[in-house]
Structure formats: structure tokens, C-alpha cells
Amino acid sequence: MSCRSMGSVRSLRSGLIGKDLRASSVKKLLLATEIGPGDWIQIHESAWKTGVGRSAIEEAKRARKAGSISAGRIFRDNATHRYLILQIIPFASPGDAISAVPKLPGLIVPNPNTDVQLVSERQLEVAEIPQLTDGIAIEQTTRGPRGQSSIRFIIAAVNSAAIFVSGSSMGEIWDWSEVLQVWRNQVSKIENN
């Protein structure tokens, strides 16, 4: 076999490994049927190399060097017009995941296609959600062309990954217990895969 053919085989193999890694990350995300009550449909799914773009923190650079693939899904509940975003961001170690969590709110863009302005933001105290360890919870109000919306999200470290769960709505506001339950469902799926 020529050197040129070996290069093609290596490229093909690395392409397959990339697809396998992407599939592995994506399959850890909840499906619409696993979210909980509601008429949920998946409206978007993506996977990308961790540490690309705005997330150039040191922990993300180490994750990228390790070959980490992040994944995300966006869902809509047709009955309530609420939205849910899930993301898994694998890091090189549990320590990196824990130290990255406080840095991530400014780096994660829940929906880059929206044209909204941040009206208010509040980070909850640990005592307000005692079940959440190694993570943060933030609520935001935004205003855009279609009106005002409320967003509640959790970013927390689980093993060597950061898990992002964001519930948003222009109508019925997500209760923190609902966001936390989706987060628990997501953690459970990761731990059982």
C-alpha cells in the first residue's frame, strides 16, 4: 500500500472516530420522551469540538486537546410554548469540570439566533437550591421583538463534564423544581450510559 493510500486510510479512520465521538456525546442527551411532562419535540441537535470559539478557557483547551466533543439539543413544548436547551461539555478531568463551571455562564450562548437584550440577571444562592452541588443556577429576564421572556438555567459539574439545562418561556415561567428535575433526569442518563 502506498504512503498516499495509508494517509487516506488514516483520514477515513479519524473521520469515523470523530463521528463515533459525536454520536457518543449526543446519545448522552435526553430525548424528548425523557424530559418529563409536556408535549416536547426536538427542534435542533448539534455536536462540536469542545474549546472552539468563545470557550477558550484553559479547561476547554485541555478538553479540546483530549479530543472532547460537546453536544446540545433544543426542545419546544407545543402546549406551553416553553423551550429547553440541554448541553453536555466534557472536560479532561473532574477538577477541570468543577473549575470551569463558574466561568461558563458568560461563554454559553443559550440561543445565538435570538435578538434579545438582557433586562435582569440573578445568580441564586446555594441555600436556594441545596440539591445543587458543584454548580450554579441563574435566572434572567430578556426583552426582544416578540416581548419579554424568562430564562432559568443550571450549569453543574458531573464527573468530568459540565451539564447545562436551560428552560425559557415567554409565557408560563419555569419553576426551579422543574428545571432541577430535568437536570436530574439528564444526570441520570449520563451516569447510566
N, C-alpha and C. Protein backbone atom coordinates (compact mmCIF):
# COMPACT_ATOMS: atom_id res chain seq x y z
N MET A 1 0.85 -1.17 0.00
CA MET A 1 0.00 0.00 0.00
C MET A 1 0.90 1.23 0.00
N SER A 2 0.59 2.20 -0.81
CA SER A 2 1.41 3.41 -0.91
C SER A 2 1.19 4.32 0.30
N CYS A 3 2.14 5.25 0.50
CA CYS A 3 2.01 6.22 1.60
C CYS A 3 0.74 7.05 1.42
N ARG A 4 0.44 7.37 0.15
CA ARG A 4 -0.76 8.17 -0.11
C ARG A 4 -2.02 7.40 0.32
N SER A 5 -2.08 6.10 0.03
CA SER A 5 -3.23 5.28 0.43
C SER A 5 -3.32 5.18 1.94
N MET A 6 -2.17 5.01 2.62
CA MET A 6 -2.18 4.94 4.08
C MET A 6 -2.73 6.24 4.68
N GLY A 7 -2.34 7.37 4.07
CA GLY A 7 -2.86 8.66 4.54
C GLY A 7 -4.36 8.72 4.41
N SER A 8 -4.88 8.18 3.30
CA SER A 8 -6.33 8.17 3.09
C SER A 8 -7.02 7.29 4.12
N VAL A 9 -6.39 6.13 4.42
CA VAL A 9 -6.97 5.24 5.42
C VAL A 9 -6.97 5.92 6.78
N ARG A 10 -5.85 6.60 7.13
CA ARG A 10 -5.78 7.31 8.40
C ARG A 10 -6.86 8.40 8.46
N SER A 11 -7.04 9.15 7.38
CA SER A 11 -8.06 10.20 7.35
C SER A 11 -9.45 9.61 7.51
N LEU A 12 -9.71 8.51 6.81
CA LEU A 12 -11.00 7.84 6.91
C LEU A 12 -11.23 7.37 8.34
N ARG A 13 -10.21 6.73 8.94
CA ARG A 13 -10.33 6.22 10.29
C ARG A 13 -10.59 7.37 11.27
N SER A 14 -9.84 8.48 11.16
CA SER A 14 -10.05 9.59 12.08
C SER A 14 -11.43 10.22 11.87
N GLY A 15 -11.93 10.22 10.64
CA GLY A 15 -13.27 10.71 10.38
C GLY A 15 -14.31 9.85 11.06
N LEU A 16 -14.11 8.52 11.03
CA LEU A 16 -15.04 7.62 11.69
C LEU A 16 -14.98 7.78 13.20
N ILE A 17 -13.76 7.93 13.73
CA ILE A 17 -13.63 8.14 15.16
C ILE A 17 -14.35 9.42 15.56
N GLY A 18 -14.20 10.48 14.75
CA GLY A 18 -14.90 11.73 15.03
C GLY A 18 -16.40 11.54 15.07
N LYS A 19 -16.94 10.78 14.11
CA LYS A 19 -18.38 10.51 14.09
C LYS A 19 -18.79 9.69 15.29
N ASP A 20 -17.95 8.71 15.68
CA ASP A 20 -18.24 7.91 16.86
C ASP A 20 -18.27 8.76 18.12
N LEU A 21 -17.30 9.68 18.25
CA LEU A 21 -17.25 10.57 19.41
C LEU A 21 -18.48 11.47 19.45
N ARG A 22 -18.84 12.02 18.28
CA ARG A 22 -20.03 12.87 18.22
C ARG A 22 -21.27 12.08 18.64
N ALA A 23 -21.40 10.88 18.09
CA ALA A 23 -22.56 10.04 18.41
C ALA A 23 -22.57 9.71 19.90
N SER A 24 -21.39 9.44 20.46
CA SER A 24 -21.29 9.12 21.88
C SER A 24 -21.76 10.29 22.75
N SER A 25 -21.36 11.50 22.40
CA SER A 25 -21.79 12.68 23.18
C SER A 25 -23.28 12.94 23.01
N VAL A 26 -23.77 12.86 21.78
CA VAL A 26 -25.19 13.15 21.51
C VAL A 26 -26.09 12.14 22.20
N LYS A 27 -25.70 10.87 22.22
CA LYS A 27 -26.58 9.85 22.81
C LYS A 27 -26.71 10.00 24.33
N LYS A 28 -25.85 10.80 24.95
CA LYS A 28 -25.95 11.05 26.39
C LYS A 28 -27.02 12.09 26.72
N LEU A 29 -27.48 12.82 25.72
CA LEU A 29 -28.51 13.85 25.93
C LEU A 29 -29.90 13.22 26.02
N LEU A 30 -30.75 13.84 26.82
CA LEU A 30 -32.13 13.37 26.92
C LEU A 30 -32.83 13.44 25.57
N LEU A 31 -33.75 12.52 25.35
CA LEU A 31 -34.66 12.56 24.21
C LEU A 31 -35.93 13.29 24.66
N ALA A 32 -36.74 13.70 23.72
CA ALA A 32 -37.98 14.42 24.04
C ALA A 32 -38.86 13.61 25.00
N THR A 33 -38.89 12.30 24.83
CA THR A 33 -39.73 11.43 25.68
C THR A 33 -39.18 11.27 27.09
N GLU A 34 -37.93 11.69 27.32
CA GLU A 34 -37.29 11.51 28.63
C GLU A 34 -37.29 12.80 29.47
N ILE A 35 -37.80 13.88 28.92
CA ILE A 35 -37.76 15.17 29.60
C ILE A 35 -38.69 15.20 30.80
N GLY A 36 -39.88 14.71 30.60
CA GLY A 36 -40.89 14.77 31.66
C GLY A 36 -42.20 15.24 31.06
N PRO A 37 -43.12 15.71 31.90
CA PRO A 37 -44.44 16.11 31.42
C PRO A 37 -44.36 17.20 30.34
N GLY A 38 -45.24 17.08 29.36
CA GLY A 38 -45.32 18.08 28.30
C GLY A 38 -45.37 17.43 26.93
N ASP A 39 -45.56 18.27 25.93
CA ASP A 39 -45.64 17.84 24.53
C ASP A 39 -44.34 18.26 23.83
N TRP A 40 -43.22 17.68 24.28
CA TRP A 40 -41.90 18.10 23.83
C TRP A 40 -41.54 17.54 22.46
N ILE A 41 -40.97 18.41 21.62
CA ILE A 41 -40.41 17.97 20.34
C ILE A 41 -39.00 18.56 20.24
N GLN A 42 -38.12 17.76 19.66
CA GLN A 42 -36.75 18.23 19.44
C GLN A 42 -36.73 19.10 18.20
N ILE A 43 -36.14 20.30 18.32
CA ILE A 43 -36.09 21.19 17.16
C ILE A 43 -34.66 21.44 16.66
N HIS A 44 -33.65 21.00 17.43
CA HIS A 44 -32.28 21.19 16.98
C HIS A 44 -31.35 20.25 17.75
N GLU A 45 -30.30 19.82 17.07
CA GLU A 45 -29.27 18.99 17.70
C GLU A 45 -27.93 19.34 17.05
N SER A 46 -26.89 19.42 17.86
CA SER A 46 -25.56 19.68 17.30
C SER A 46 -24.49 19.09 18.20
N ALA A 47 -23.30 18.92 17.62
CA ALA A 47 -22.12 18.47 18.35
C ALA A 47 -20.94 19.25 17.80
N TRP A 48 -19.98 19.57 18.65
CA TRP A 48 -18.84 20.38 18.25
C TRP A 48 -17.65 20.05 19.13
N LYS A 49 -16.47 20.39 18.65
CA LYS A 49 -15.26 20.18 19.43
C LYS A 49 -15.27 21.15 20.61
N THR A 50 -15.10 20.61 21.81
CA THR A 50 -15.03 21.45 23.00
C THR A 50 -13.81 22.37 22.86
N GLY A 51 -13.97 23.61 23.29
CA GLY A 51 -12.85 24.55 23.26
C GLY A 51 -12.75 25.35 21.99
N VAL A 52 -13.75 25.25 21.12
CA VAL A 52 -13.76 26.03 19.88
C VAL A 52 -14.51 27.33 20.14
N GLY A 53 -14.05 28.39 19.53
CA GLY A 53 -14.76 29.66 19.61
C GLY A 53 -14.53 30.38 20.92
N ARG A 54 -15.62 30.87 21.48
CA ARG A 54 -15.55 31.73 22.66
C ARG A 54 -15.12 31.01 23.92
N SER A 55 -15.17 29.71 23.95
CA SER A 55 -14.87 28.96 25.17
C SER A 55 -13.38 28.62 25.28
N ALA A 56 -12.53 29.61 25.12
CA ALA A 56 -11.09 29.38 25.13
C ALA A 56 -10.48 29.43 26.53
N ILE A 57 -11.25 29.07 27.55
CA ILE A 57 -10.68 28.99 28.88
C ILE A 57 -9.72 27.81 28.92
N GLU A 58 -8.80 27.81 29.86
CA GLU A 58 -7.76 26.77 29.92
C GLU A 58 -8.35 25.37 30.01
N GLU A 59 -9.42 25.22 30.79
CA GLU A 59 -10.05 23.91 30.94
C GLU A 59 -10.57 23.40 29.60
N ALA A 60 -11.13 24.31 28.79
CA ALA A 60 -11.66 23.93 27.47
C ALA A 60 -10.52 23.60 26.51
N LYS A 61 -9.42 24.30 26.62
CA LYS A 61 -8.27 23.99 25.77
C LYS A 61 -7.74 22.59 26.06
N ARG A 62 -7.69 22.22 27.34
CA ARG A 62 -7.26 20.86 27.70
C ARG A 62 -8.27 19.82 27.19
N ALA A 63 -9.55 20.16 27.26
CA ALA A 63 -10.59 19.24 26.77
C ALA A 63 -10.45 19.04 25.26
N ARG A 64 -10.20 20.12 24.56
CA ARG A 64 -10.02 20.02 23.10
C ARG A 64 -8.82 19.15 22.77
N LYS A 65 -7.72 19.36 23.50
CA LYS A 65 -6.50 18.57 23.28
C LYS A 65 -6.77 17.08 23.53
N ALA A 66 -7.67 16.80 24.47
CA ALA A 66 -8.04 15.42 24.78
C ALA A 66 -9.05 14.84 23.79
N GLY A 67 -9.53 15.66 22.84
CA GLY A 67 -10.47 15.19 21.82
C GLY A 67 -11.93 15.26 22.23
N SER A 68 -12.25 16.08 23.21
CA SER A 68 -13.62 16.18 23.73
C SER A 68 -14.59 16.73 22.68
N ILE A 69 -15.77 16.15 22.66
CA ILE A 69 -16.87 16.60 21.81
C ILE A 69 -18.05 16.98 22.69
N SER A 70 -18.48 18.24 22.60
CA SER A 70 -19.66 18.71 23.32
C SER A 70 -20.90 18.49 22.45
N ALA A 71 -22.05 18.43 23.09
CA ALA A 71 -23.29 18.19 22.33
C ALA A 71 -24.43 18.98 22.96
N GLY A 72 -25.42 19.31 22.13
CA GLY A 72 -26.58 20.03 22.62
C GLY A 72 -27.84 19.70 21.85
N ARG A 73 -28.96 19.86 22.53
CA ARG A 73 -30.28 19.70 21.90
C ARG A 73 -31.18 20.81 22.38
N ILE A 74 -32.07 21.24 21.48
CA ILE A 74 -33.08 22.23 21.83
C ILE A 74 -34.45 21.60 21.60
N PHE A 75 -35.35 21.82 22.56
CA PHE A 75 -36.71 21.27 22.51
C PHE A 75 -37.72 22.39 22.68
N ARG A 76 -38.93 22.14 22.17
CA ARG A 76 -40.06 23.05 22.37
C ARG A 76 -41.25 22.23 22.86
N ASP A 77 -41.96 22.78 23.83
CA ASP A 77 -43.21 22.17 24.31
C ASP A 77 -44.34 22.87 23.57
N ASN A 78 -45.01 22.18 22.68
CA ASN A 78 -46.05 22.79 21.86
C ASN A 78 -47.24 23.28 22.68
N ALA A 79 -47.51 22.63 23.80
CA ALA A 79 -48.68 23.01 24.60
C ALA A 79 -48.45 24.32 25.36
N THR A 80 -47.24 24.53 25.88
CA THR A 80 -46.99 25.70 26.73
C THR A 80 -46.09 26.74 26.06
N HIS A 81 -45.56 26.42 24.90
CA HIS A 81 -44.62 27.31 24.20
C HIS A 81 -43.38 27.61 25.03
N ARG A 82 -42.95 26.59 25.80
CA ARG A 82 -41.72 26.71 26.56
C ARG A 82 -40.60 26.01 25.79
N TYR A 83 -39.38 26.43 26.06
CA TYR A 83 -38.21 25.88 25.39
C TYR A 83 -37.25 25.30 26.42
N LEU A 84 -36.47 24.32 25.97
CA LEU A 84 -35.49 23.68 26.82
C LEU A 84 -34.22 23.47 26.01
N ILE A 85 -33.08 23.87 26.58
CA ILE A 85 -31.79 23.64 25.94
C ILE A 85 -30.97 22.76 26.88
N LEU A 86 -30.39 21.70 26.33
CA LEU A 86 -29.51 20.81 27.07
C LEU A 86 -28.15 20.82 26.40
N GLN A 87 -27.09 20.89 27.19
CA GLN A 87 -25.74 20.77 26.66
C GLN A 87 -24.89 19.94 27.60
N ILE A 88 -24.02 19.14 27.00
CA ILE A 88 -23.01 18.39 27.74
C ILE A 88 -21.66 18.85 27.23
N ILE A 89 -20.81 19.28 28.17
CA ILE A 89 -19.49 19.77 27.81
C ILE A 89 -18.47 18.93 28.56
N PRO A 90 -17.89 17.91 27.90
CA PRO A 90 -16.90 17.06 28.58
C PRO A 90 -15.55 17.78 28.73
N PHE A 91 -14.96 17.64 29.91
CA PHE A 91 -13.64 18.20 30.17
C PHE A 91 -12.63 17.08 30.37
N ALA A 92 -11.38 17.44 30.49
CA ALA A 92 -10.30 16.45 30.60
C ALA A 92 -10.28 15.76 31.96
N SER A 93 -10.87 16.39 32.98
CA SER A 93 -10.87 15.81 34.33
C SER A 93 -12.04 16.37 35.14
N PRO A 94 -12.41 15.68 36.23
CA PRO A 94 -13.44 16.23 37.11
C PRO A 94 -13.05 17.60 37.68
N GLY A 95 -11.78 17.77 38.01
CA GLY A 95 -11.31 19.06 38.53
C GLY A 95 -11.50 20.18 37.53
N ASP A 96 -11.22 19.88 36.25
CA ASP A 96 -11.43 20.88 35.20
C ASP A 96 -12.91 21.24 35.06
N ALA A 97 -13.79 20.23 35.17
CA ALA A 97 -15.23 20.50 35.06
C ALA A 97 -15.68 21.41 36.19
N ILE A 98 -15.24 21.12 37.41
CA ILE A 98 -15.64 21.92 38.57
C ILE A 98 -15.11 23.35 38.44
N SER A 99 -13.84 23.50 38.04
CA SER A 99 -13.29 24.86 37.95
C SER A 99 -13.84 25.64 36.76
N ALA A 100 -14.33 24.95 35.73
CA ALA A 100 -14.89 25.63 34.55
C ALA A 100 -16.29 26.16 34.79
N VAL A 101 -17.07 25.50 35.63
CA VAL A 101 -18.49 25.86 35.81
C VAL A 101 -18.71 27.35 36.08
N PRO A 102 -18.01 27.97 37.03
CA PRO A 102 -18.27 29.41 37.27
C PRO A 102 -17.91 30.31 36.10
N LYS A 103 -17.08 29.82 35.17
CA LYS A 103 -16.65 30.61 34.02
C LYS A 103 -17.60 30.48 32.83
N LEU A 104 -18.45 29.46 32.85
CA LEU A 104 -19.27 29.13 31.68
C LEU A 104 -20.46 30.05 31.40
N PRO A 105 -21.13 30.63 32.41
CA PRO A 105 -22.30 31.46 32.06
C PRO A 105 -22.02 32.54 31.02
N GLY A 106 -20.86 33.14 31.05
CA GLY A 106 -20.53 34.16 30.06
C GLY A 106 -20.11 33.60 28.71
N LEU A 107 -19.87 32.29 28.66
CA LEU A 107 -19.41 31.66 27.42
C LEU A 107 -20.50 30.90 26.69
N ILE A 108 -21.45 30.36 27.44
CA ILE A 108 -22.53 29.60 26.82
C ILE A 108 -23.57 30.58 26.31
N VAL A 109 -23.88 30.48 25.04
CA VAL A 109 -24.91 31.33 24.44
C VAL A 109 -26.13 30.43 24.26
N PRO A 110 -27.16 30.57 25.12
CA PRO A 110 -28.31 29.67 25.03
C PRO A 110 -28.94 29.58 23.64
N ASN A 111 -29.10 30.69 22.95
CA ASN A 111 -29.63 30.64 21.59
C ASN A 111 -29.08 31.84 20.82
N PRO A 112 -28.01 31.62 20.03
CA PRO A 112 -27.38 32.73 19.33
C PRO A 112 -28.26 33.35 18.24
N ASN A 113 -29.37 32.70 17.89
CA ASN A 113 -30.23 33.20 16.82
C ASN A 113 -31.30 34.17 17.33
N THR A 114 -31.33 34.41 18.64
CA THR A 114 -32.33 35.31 19.17
C THR A 114 -31.78 36.72 19.23
N ASP A 115 -32.66 37.68 19.02
CA ASP A 115 -32.29 39.09 19.06
C ASP A 115 -32.92 39.68 20.31
N VAL A 116 -32.27 39.44 21.47
CA VAL A 116 -32.83 39.90 22.74
C VAL A 116 -31.78 40.67 23.53
N GLN A 117 -32.27 41.48 24.46
CA GLN A 117 -31.42 42.21 25.38
C GLN A 117 -31.67 41.70 26.79
N LEU A 118 -30.60 41.57 27.56
CA LEU A 118 -30.71 41.15 28.94
C LEU A 118 -31.28 42.31 29.77
N VAL A 119 -32.40 42.05 30.46
CA VAL A 119 -33.04 43.06 31.29
C VAL A 119 -32.58 42.91 32.74
N SER A 120 -32.54 41.67 33.22
CA SER A 120 -32.09 41.42 34.59
C SER A 120 -31.49 40.03 34.68
N GLU A 121 -30.63 39.86 35.69
CA GLU A 121 -29.98 38.57 35.91
C GLU A 121 -29.69 38.43 37.39
N ARG A 122 -29.92 37.23 37.91
CA ARG A 122 -29.65 36.97 39.32
C ARG A 122 -29.14 35.55 39.48
N GLN A 123 -28.00 35.42 40.15
CA GLN A 123 -27.48 34.09 40.48
C GLN A 123 -28.04 33.70 41.83
N LEU A 124 -28.63 32.51 41.90
CA LEU A 124 -29.22 32.05 43.14
C LEU A 124 -28.14 31.63 44.12
N GLU A 125 -28.44 31.78 45.39
CA GLU A 125 -27.54 31.33 46.45
C GLU A 125 -27.68 29.83 46.60
N VAL A 126 -26.64 29.19 47.07
CA VAL A 126 -26.64 27.74 47.26
C VAL A 126 -27.82 27.31 48.14
N ALA A 127 -28.14 28.10 49.14
CA ALA A 127 -29.24 27.74 50.05
C ALA A 127 -30.59 27.69 49.34
N GLU A 128 -30.72 28.41 48.22
CA GLU A 128 -32.00 28.42 47.50
C GLU A 128 -32.24 27.11 46.73
N ILE A 129 -31.17 26.44 46.35
CA ILE A 129 -31.27 25.14 45.68
C ILE A 129 -30.21 24.22 46.31
N PRO A 130 -30.49 23.71 47.51
CA PRO A 130 -29.49 22.94 48.24
C PRO A 130 -29.11 21.62 47.57
N GLN A 131 -29.95 21.11 46.67
CA GLN A 131 -29.65 19.85 46.00
C GLN A 131 -28.55 20.01 44.95
N LEU A 132 -28.22 21.24 44.61
CA LEU A 132 -27.25 21.51 43.55
C LEU A 132 -25.87 21.71 44.16
N THR A 133 -24.96 20.79 43.89
CA THR A 133 -23.58 20.94 44.34
C THR A 133 -22.70 21.06 43.10
N ASP A 134 -21.57 21.70 43.25
CA ASP A 134 -20.63 21.91 42.13
C ASP A 134 -21.32 22.55 40.93
N GLY A 135 -22.22 23.50 41.20
CA GLY A 135 -22.91 24.15 40.10
C GLY A 135 -23.47 25.50 40.49
N ILE A 136 -24.09 26.13 39.51
CA ILE A 136 -24.71 27.43 39.73
C ILE A 136 -26.08 27.44 39.05
N ALA A 137 -26.93 28.31 39.57
CA ALA A 137 -28.28 28.49 39.00
C ALA A 137 -28.49 29.98 38.78
N ILE A 138 -28.96 30.33 37.60
CA ILE A 138 -29.15 31.74 37.23
C ILE A 138 -30.52 31.92 36.61
N GLU A 139 -31.18 33.04 36.98
CA GLU A 139 -32.42 33.39 36.30
C GLU A 139 -32.23 34.73 35.61
N GLN A 140 -32.78 34.81 34.40
CA GLN A 140 -32.64 36.01 33.59
C GLN A 140 -34.00 36.42 33.04
N THR A 141 -34.12 37.70 32.79
CA THR A 141 -35.26 38.23 32.04
C THR A 141 -34.67 38.93 30.82
N THR A 142 -35.23 38.64 29.67
CA THR A 142 -34.77 39.28 28.43
C THR A 142 -35.95 39.94 27.73
N ARG A 143 -35.65 40.88 26.86
CA ARG A 143 -36.68 41.54 26.07
C ARG A 143 -36.23 41.55 24.62
N GLY A 144 -37.15 41.21 23.72
CA GLY A 144 -36.85 41.19 22.30
C GLY A 144 -38.05 41.60 21.48
N PRO A 145 -37.98 41.43 20.17
CA PRO A 145 -39.06 41.84 19.28
C PRO A 145 -40.41 41.19 19.59
N ARG A 146 -40.38 39.99 20.17
CA ARG A 146 -41.63 39.28 20.48
C ARG A 146 -42.08 39.48 21.92
N GLY A 147 -41.35 40.31 22.68
CA GLY A 147 -41.75 40.57 24.06
C GLY A 147 -40.70 40.12 25.06
N GLN A 148 -41.15 39.99 26.30
CA GLN A 148 -40.27 39.63 27.40
C GLN A 148 -40.28 38.13 27.62
N SER A 149 -39.13 37.57 27.99
CA SER A 149 -39.08 36.15 28.29
C SER A 149 -38.28 35.92 29.57
N SER A 150 -38.53 34.78 30.20
CA SER A 150 -37.84 34.38 31.41
C SER A 150 -37.02 33.15 31.13
N ILE A 151 -35.81 33.12 31.68
CA ILE A 151 -34.89 32.00 31.47
C ILE A 151 -34.37 31.59 32.84
N ARG A 152 -34.37 30.31 33.09
CA ARG A 152 -33.78 29.75 34.31
C ARG A 152 -32.85 28.64 33.87
N PHE A 153 -31.58 28.73 34.32
CA PHE A 153 -30.66 27.68 33.92
C PHE A 153 -29.72 27.27 35.03
N ILE A 154 -29.28 26.03 34.88
CA ILE A 154 -28.34 25.39 35.80
C ILE A 154 -27.14 24.95 34.98
N ILE A 155 -25.95 25.21 35.52
CA ILE A 155 -24.72 24.64 34.98
C ILE A 155 -24.03 23.98 36.17
N ALA A 156 -23.76 22.69 36.04
CA ALA A 156 -23.14 21.98 37.15
C ALA A 156 -22.20 20.91 36.62
N ALA A 157 -21.19 20.62 37.43
CA ALA A 157 -20.22 19.58 37.09
C ALA A 157 -20.75 18.22 37.53
N VAL A 158 -20.63 17.26 36.64
CA VAL A 158 -20.98 15.88 36.94
C VAL A 158 -19.85 15.03 36.37
N ASN A 159 -19.14 14.37 37.26
CA ASN A 159 -17.94 13.63 36.87
C ASN A 159 -16.99 14.59 36.16
N SER A 160 -16.64 14.33 34.91
CA SER A 160 -15.71 15.22 34.21
C SER A 160 -16.41 16.07 33.15
N ALA A 161 -17.71 16.29 33.32
CA ALA A 161 -18.46 17.10 32.35
C ALA A 161 -19.21 18.22 33.05
N ALA A 162 -19.50 19.27 32.29
CA ALA A 162 -20.42 20.31 32.75
C ALA A 162 -21.74 20.08 32.04
N ILE A 163 -22.82 20.12 32.80
CA ILE A 163 -24.16 19.91 32.26
C ILE A 163 -24.90 21.24 32.33
N PHE A 164 -25.45 21.65 31.19
CA PHE A 164 -26.19 22.91 31.09
C PHE A 164 -27.65 22.57 30.77
N VAL A 165 -28.56 23.04 31.61
CA VAL A 165 -30.00 22.86 31.40
C VAL A 165 -30.64 24.23 31.51
N SER A 166 -31.32 24.66 30.45
CA SER A 166 -31.93 25.98 30.41
C SER A 166 -33.39 25.87 29.98
N GLY A 167 -34.28 26.40 30.82
CA GLY A 167 -35.69 26.46 30.49
C GLY A 167 -36.10 27.90 30.26
N SER A 168 -36.75 28.18 29.14
CA SER A 168 -37.17 29.55 28.85
C SER A 168 -38.61 29.57 28.38
N SER A 169 -39.22 30.75 28.54
CA SER A 169 -40.62 30.89 28.14
C SER A 169 -40.98 32.36 28.03
N MET A 170 -41.90 32.63 27.11
CA MET A 170 -42.47 33.98 27.02
C MET A 170 -43.78 34.03 27.79
N GLY A 171 -44.22 32.89 28.25
CA GLY A 171 -45.48 32.83 29.00
C GLY A 171 -45.25 32.22 30.36
N GLU A 172 -45.71 30.99 30.53
CA GLU A 172 -45.60 30.29 31.80
C GLU A 172 -44.13 30.09 32.19
N ILE A 173 -43.74 30.67 33.30
CA ILE A 173 -42.34 30.63 33.75
C ILE A 173 -42.03 29.25 34.32
N TRP A 174 -40.84 28.76 34.01
CA TRP A 174 -40.37 27.50 34.57
C TRP A 174 -40.21 27.65 36.08
N ASP A 175 -40.70 26.69 36.82
CA ASP A 175 -40.45 26.64 38.24
C ASP A 175 -39.07 26.00 38.43
N TRP A 176 -38.33 26.44 39.46
CA TRP A 176 -37.00 25.88 39.67
C TRP A 176 -37.05 24.37 39.89
N SER A 177 -38.12 23.88 40.49
CA SER A 177 -38.22 22.43 40.70
C SER A 177 -38.29 21.68 39.37
N GLU A 178 -38.91 22.30 38.35
CA GLU A 178 -38.97 21.68 37.02
C GLU A 178 -37.59 21.65 36.36
N VAL A 179 -36.86 22.76 36.45
CA VAL A 179 -35.52 22.83 35.85
C VAL A 179 -34.62 21.80 36.54
N LEU A 180 -34.71 21.75 37.86
CA LEU A 180 -33.89 20.81 38.63
C LEU A 180 -34.23 19.36 38.29
N GLN A 181 -35.53 19.07 38.06
CA GLN A 181 -35.92 17.70 37.70
C GLN A 181 -35.36 17.31 36.33
N VAL A 182 -35.41 18.23 35.36
CA VAL A 182 -34.82 17.92 34.05
C VAL A 182 -33.32 17.70 34.22
N TRP A 183 -32.66 18.53 35.05
CA TRP A 183 -31.23 18.37 35.30
C TRP A 183 -30.95 16.99 35.91
N ARG A 184 -31.77 16.58 36.88
CA ARG A 184 -31.61 15.24 37.49
C ARG A 184 -31.79 14.14 36.44
N ASN A 185 -32.81 14.28 35.58
CA ASN A 185 -33.03 13.29 34.52
C ASN A 185 -31.81 13.21 33.61
N GLN A 186 -31.24 14.38 33.28
CA GLN A 186 -30.06 14.41 32.41
C GLN A 186 -28.85 13.76 33.08
N VAL A 187 -28.64 14.06 34.34
CA VAL A 187 -27.52 13.47 35.09
C VAL A 187 -27.69 11.95 35.15
N SER A 188 -28.90 11.50 35.43
CA SER A 188 -29.18 10.07 35.50
C SER A 188 -28.85 9.37 34.19
N LYS A 189 -29.22 10.00 33.08
CA LYS A 189 -28.93 9.39 31.78
C LYS A 189 -27.44 9.29 31.55
N ILE A 190 -26.69 10.32 31.91
CA ILE A 190 -25.25 10.30 31.73
C ILE A 190 -24.61 9.21 32.60
N GLU A 191 -25.04 9.12 33.84
CA GLU A 191 -24.46 8.15 34.75
C GLU A 191 -24.80 6.72 34.38
N ASN A 192 -25.92 6.52 33.66
CA ASN A 192 -26.32 5.17 33.28
C ASN A 192 -25.86 4.78 31.88
N ASN A 193 -25.16 5.68 31.18
CA ASN A 193 -24.63 5.35 29.84
C ASN A 193 -23.21 4.90 29.93
